[in-house]
Amino acid sequence: MGGDFVEPGGTVMICEGSDVLQQLNDVFGDPTSSQYIQAQKKKDEFLKVKNEEKNAQCLIDAYKAVGLNVSRGWEIYLRRLGSVQPQGPQNIYDIAQFRYNGLTDGTVMLTIVHVPQNGGHVHTQRGTEAGLHSQVSSPCPM
């Protein structure tokens, strides 16, 4: 979730992303925490994210609805992730589905980043046995 991002107008924004990863793991990493339980109550917000162009704002809105503080750098990252063609809208949709399913199942969801090999694809893995956590990995840099 880090890297250098060039905003419209040529302004470079540096977003390391460790604060975002920490926040995501704090909220979604412990199903017994009050933050996780609060997020479960609003999980349907993630269903509003469709697999269509310019869906990043819907994911941003869902994160805000479940109580996350979405920084400007994080917003820029998500918008860029959602615009990488041809995978962009699918990336955003995959994250939303991952969050909805995890909150529905009450599973531990860890968030990590990876250096992309074949474009900016999001990778998700659901824990399928008791005790296994689910994981979402976002590309960085893109």
Protein backbone atom coordinates (compact mmCIF):
# COMPACT_ATOMS: atom_id res chain seq x y z
CA MET A 1 0.00 0.00 0.00
CA GLY A 2 2.94 2.25 -0.26
CA GLY A 3 4.95 3.82 -2.97
CA ASP A 4 5.00 7.17 -4.70
CA PHE A 5 1.74 8.34 -6.19
CA VAL A 6 1.39 11.16 -8.66
CA GLU A 7 -1.84 13.04 -8.18
CA PRO A 8 -3.60 14.93 -10.95
CA GLY A 9 -1.57 18.07 -11.55
CA GLY A 10 1.74 16.29 -11.01
CA THR A 11 1.95 16.44 -7.20
CA VAL A 12 3.84 13.44 -5.84
CA MET A 13 2.41 11.88 -2.69
CA ILE A 14 4.42 9.34 -0.74
CA CYS A 15 2.31 6.76 1.05
CA GLU A 16 4.28 4.21 3.04
CA GLY A 17 1.16 2.32 4.03
CA SER A 18 2.31 0.78 7.32
CA ASP A 19 -0.31 2.84 9.17
CA VAL A 20 -3.01 1.53 6.82
CA LEU A 21 -1.90 -2.08 7.23
CA GLN A 22 -1.82 -1.65 11.00
CA GLN A 23 -5.33 -0.19 11.03
CA LEU A 24 -6.71 -2.95 8.79
CA ASN A 25 -5.09 -5.67 10.89
CA ASP A 26 -6.25 -4.03 14.13
CA VAL A 27 -9.86 -3.90 12.95
CA PHE A 28 -10.11 -7.15 10.97
CA GLY A 29 -7.49 -9.27 12.74
CA ASP A 30 -9.37 -10.06 15.97
CA PRO A 31 -12.98 -11.25 15.69
CA THR A 32 -13.46 -10.70 19.43
CA SER A 33 -12.48 -7.01 19.37
CA SER A 34 -15.08 -4.29 19.66
CA GLN A 35 -13.89 -2.79 16.34
CA TYR A 36 -14.42 -6.11 14.52
CA ILE A 37 -17.86 -6.58 16.08
CA GLN A 38 -18.80 -3.02 15.06
CA ALA A 39 -17.59 -3.73 11.51
CA GLN A 40 -19.73 -6.89 11.40
CA LYS A 41 -22.82 -4.77 12.04
CA LYS A 42 -22.07 -2.76 8.88
CA LYS A 43 -20.73 -5.59 6.70
CA ASP A 44 -23.46 -5.07 4.08
CA GLU A 45 -21.68 -1.84 3.09
CA PHE A 46 -19.18 -4.06 1.27
CA LEU A 47 -21.99 -5.54 -0.85
CA LYS A 48 -22.53 -2.09 -2.38
CA VAL A 49 -19.18 -2.45 -4.18
CA LYS A 50 -19.89 -3.75 -7.67
CA ASN A 51 -17.43 -5.11 -10.23
CA GLU A 52 -17.58 -2.02 -12.42
CA GLU A 53 -15.50 0.99 -13.42
CA LYS A 54 -14.80 3.61 -10.75
CA ASN A 55 -15.85 1.37 -7.85
CA ALA A 56 -13.02 2.48 -5.55
CA GLN A 57 -15.17 5.20 -3.96
CA CYS A 58 -17.70 2.55 -2.89
CA LEU A 59 -14.95 0.60 -1.14
CA ILE A 60 -13.67 3.78 0.51
CA ASP A 61 -17.21 4.52 1.71
CA ALA A 62 -17.57 0.96 3.04
CA TYR A 63 -14.31 1.22 4.99
CA LYS A 64 -15.46 4.52 6.48
CA ALA A 65 -18.87 3.06 7.35
CA VAL A 66 -17.29 0.23 9.34
CA GLY A 67 -15.20 2.71 11.29
CA LEU A 68 -11.85 2.97 9.54
CA ASN A 69 -10.04 6.28 9.11
CA VAL A 70 -9.29 6.37 5.39
CA SER A 71 -6.41 8.78 4.83
CA ARG A 72 -5.86 10.78 1.65
CA GLY A 73 -2.91 8.55 0.72
CA TRP A 74 -5.01 5.42 1.18
CA GLU A 75 -7.77 6.90 -0.99
CA ILE A 76 -5.26 7.63 -3.74
CA TYR A 77 -3.90 4.09 -3.50
CA LEU A 78 -7.38 2.52 -3.76
CA ARG A 79 -8.34 4.73 -6.69
CA ARG A 80 -5.15 3.79 -8.49
CA LEU A 81 -5.61 0.10 -7.65
CA GLY A 82 -9.12 0.31 -9.09
CA SER A 83 -7.96 1.96 -12.29
CA VAL A 84 -5.14 -0.42 -13.27
CA GLN A 85 -6.41 -2.06 -16.46
CA PRO A 86 -7.78 -4.56 -17.06
CA GLN A 87 -7.81 -5.85 -13.47
CA GLY A 88 -8.66 -2.64 -11.57
CA PRO A 89 -12.39 -2.93 -10.92
CA GLN A 90 -11.95 -6.64 -10.14
CA ASN A 91 -9.28 -5.78 -7.53
CA ILE A 92 -11.65 -3.48 -5.67
CA TYR A 93 -14.53 -5.93 -5.95
CA ASP A 94 -12.34 -8.79 -4.67
CA ILE A 95 -11.34 -6.79 -1.59
CA ALA A 96 -14.97 -5.93 -0.84
CA GLN A 97 -16.10 -9.54 -1.22
CA PHE A 98 -13.20 -10.71 0.94
CA ARG A 99 -14.19 -8.28 3.71
CA TYR A 100 -17.89 -9.16 3.49
CA ASN A 101 -17.26 -12.91 3.57
CA GLY A 102 -14.75 -12.63 6.40
CA LEU A 103 -17.07 -10.52 8.52
CA THR A 104 -19.94 -12.91 7.78
CA ASP A 105 -17.85 -15.93 8.83
CA GLY A 106 -16.17 -14.13 11.74
CA THR A 107 -12.69 -15.08 10.53
CA VAL A 108 -9.35 -13.43 11.21
CA MET A 109 -8.44 -11.34 8.15
CA LEU A 110 -4.81 -10.32 7.77
CA THR A 111 -3.72 -7.71 5.24
CA ILE A 112 -0.29 -7.75 3.62
CA VAL A 113 1.34 -6.36 0.48
CA HIS A 114 3.33 -7.99 -2.28
CA VAL A 115 5.50 -6.86 -5.16
CA PRO A 116 3.41 -7.55 -8.26
CA GLN A 117 4.75 -10.05 -10.77
CA ASN A 118 2.07 -9.83 -13.45
CA GLY A 119 0.42 -6.46 -13.02
CA GLY A 120 -1.40 -5.09 -10.03
CA HIS A 121 -3.54 -8.04 -8.95
CA VAL A 122 -5.05 -8.41 -5.48
CA HIS A 123 -4.68 -11.90 -4.00
CA THR A 124 -7.11 -13.32 -1.46
CA GLN A 125 -6.95 -16.56 0.46
CA ARG A 126 -9.69 -17.77 2.77
CA GLY A 127 -8.91 -19.87 5.79
CA THR A 128 -10.75 -23.12 5.23
CA GLU A 129 -10.02 -24.99 8.43
CA ALA A 130 -10.50 -24.08 12.08
CA GLY A 131 -7.68 -21.90 13.28
CA LEU A 132 -6.58 -20.76 9.83
CA HIS A 133 -6.88 -17.08 9.01
CA SER A 134 -7.83 -15.44 5.76
CA GLN A 135 -5.42 -13.15 3.97
CA VAL A 136 -5.63 -10.37 1.41
CA SER A 137 -2.50 -9.16 -0.33
CA SER A 138 -2.43 -5.90 -2.26
CA PRO A 139 0.20 -5.03 -4.87
CA CYS A 140 2.81 -2.43 -4.03
CA PRO A 141 4.17 -0.65 -5.88
CA MET A 142 1.84 -0.84 -8.85
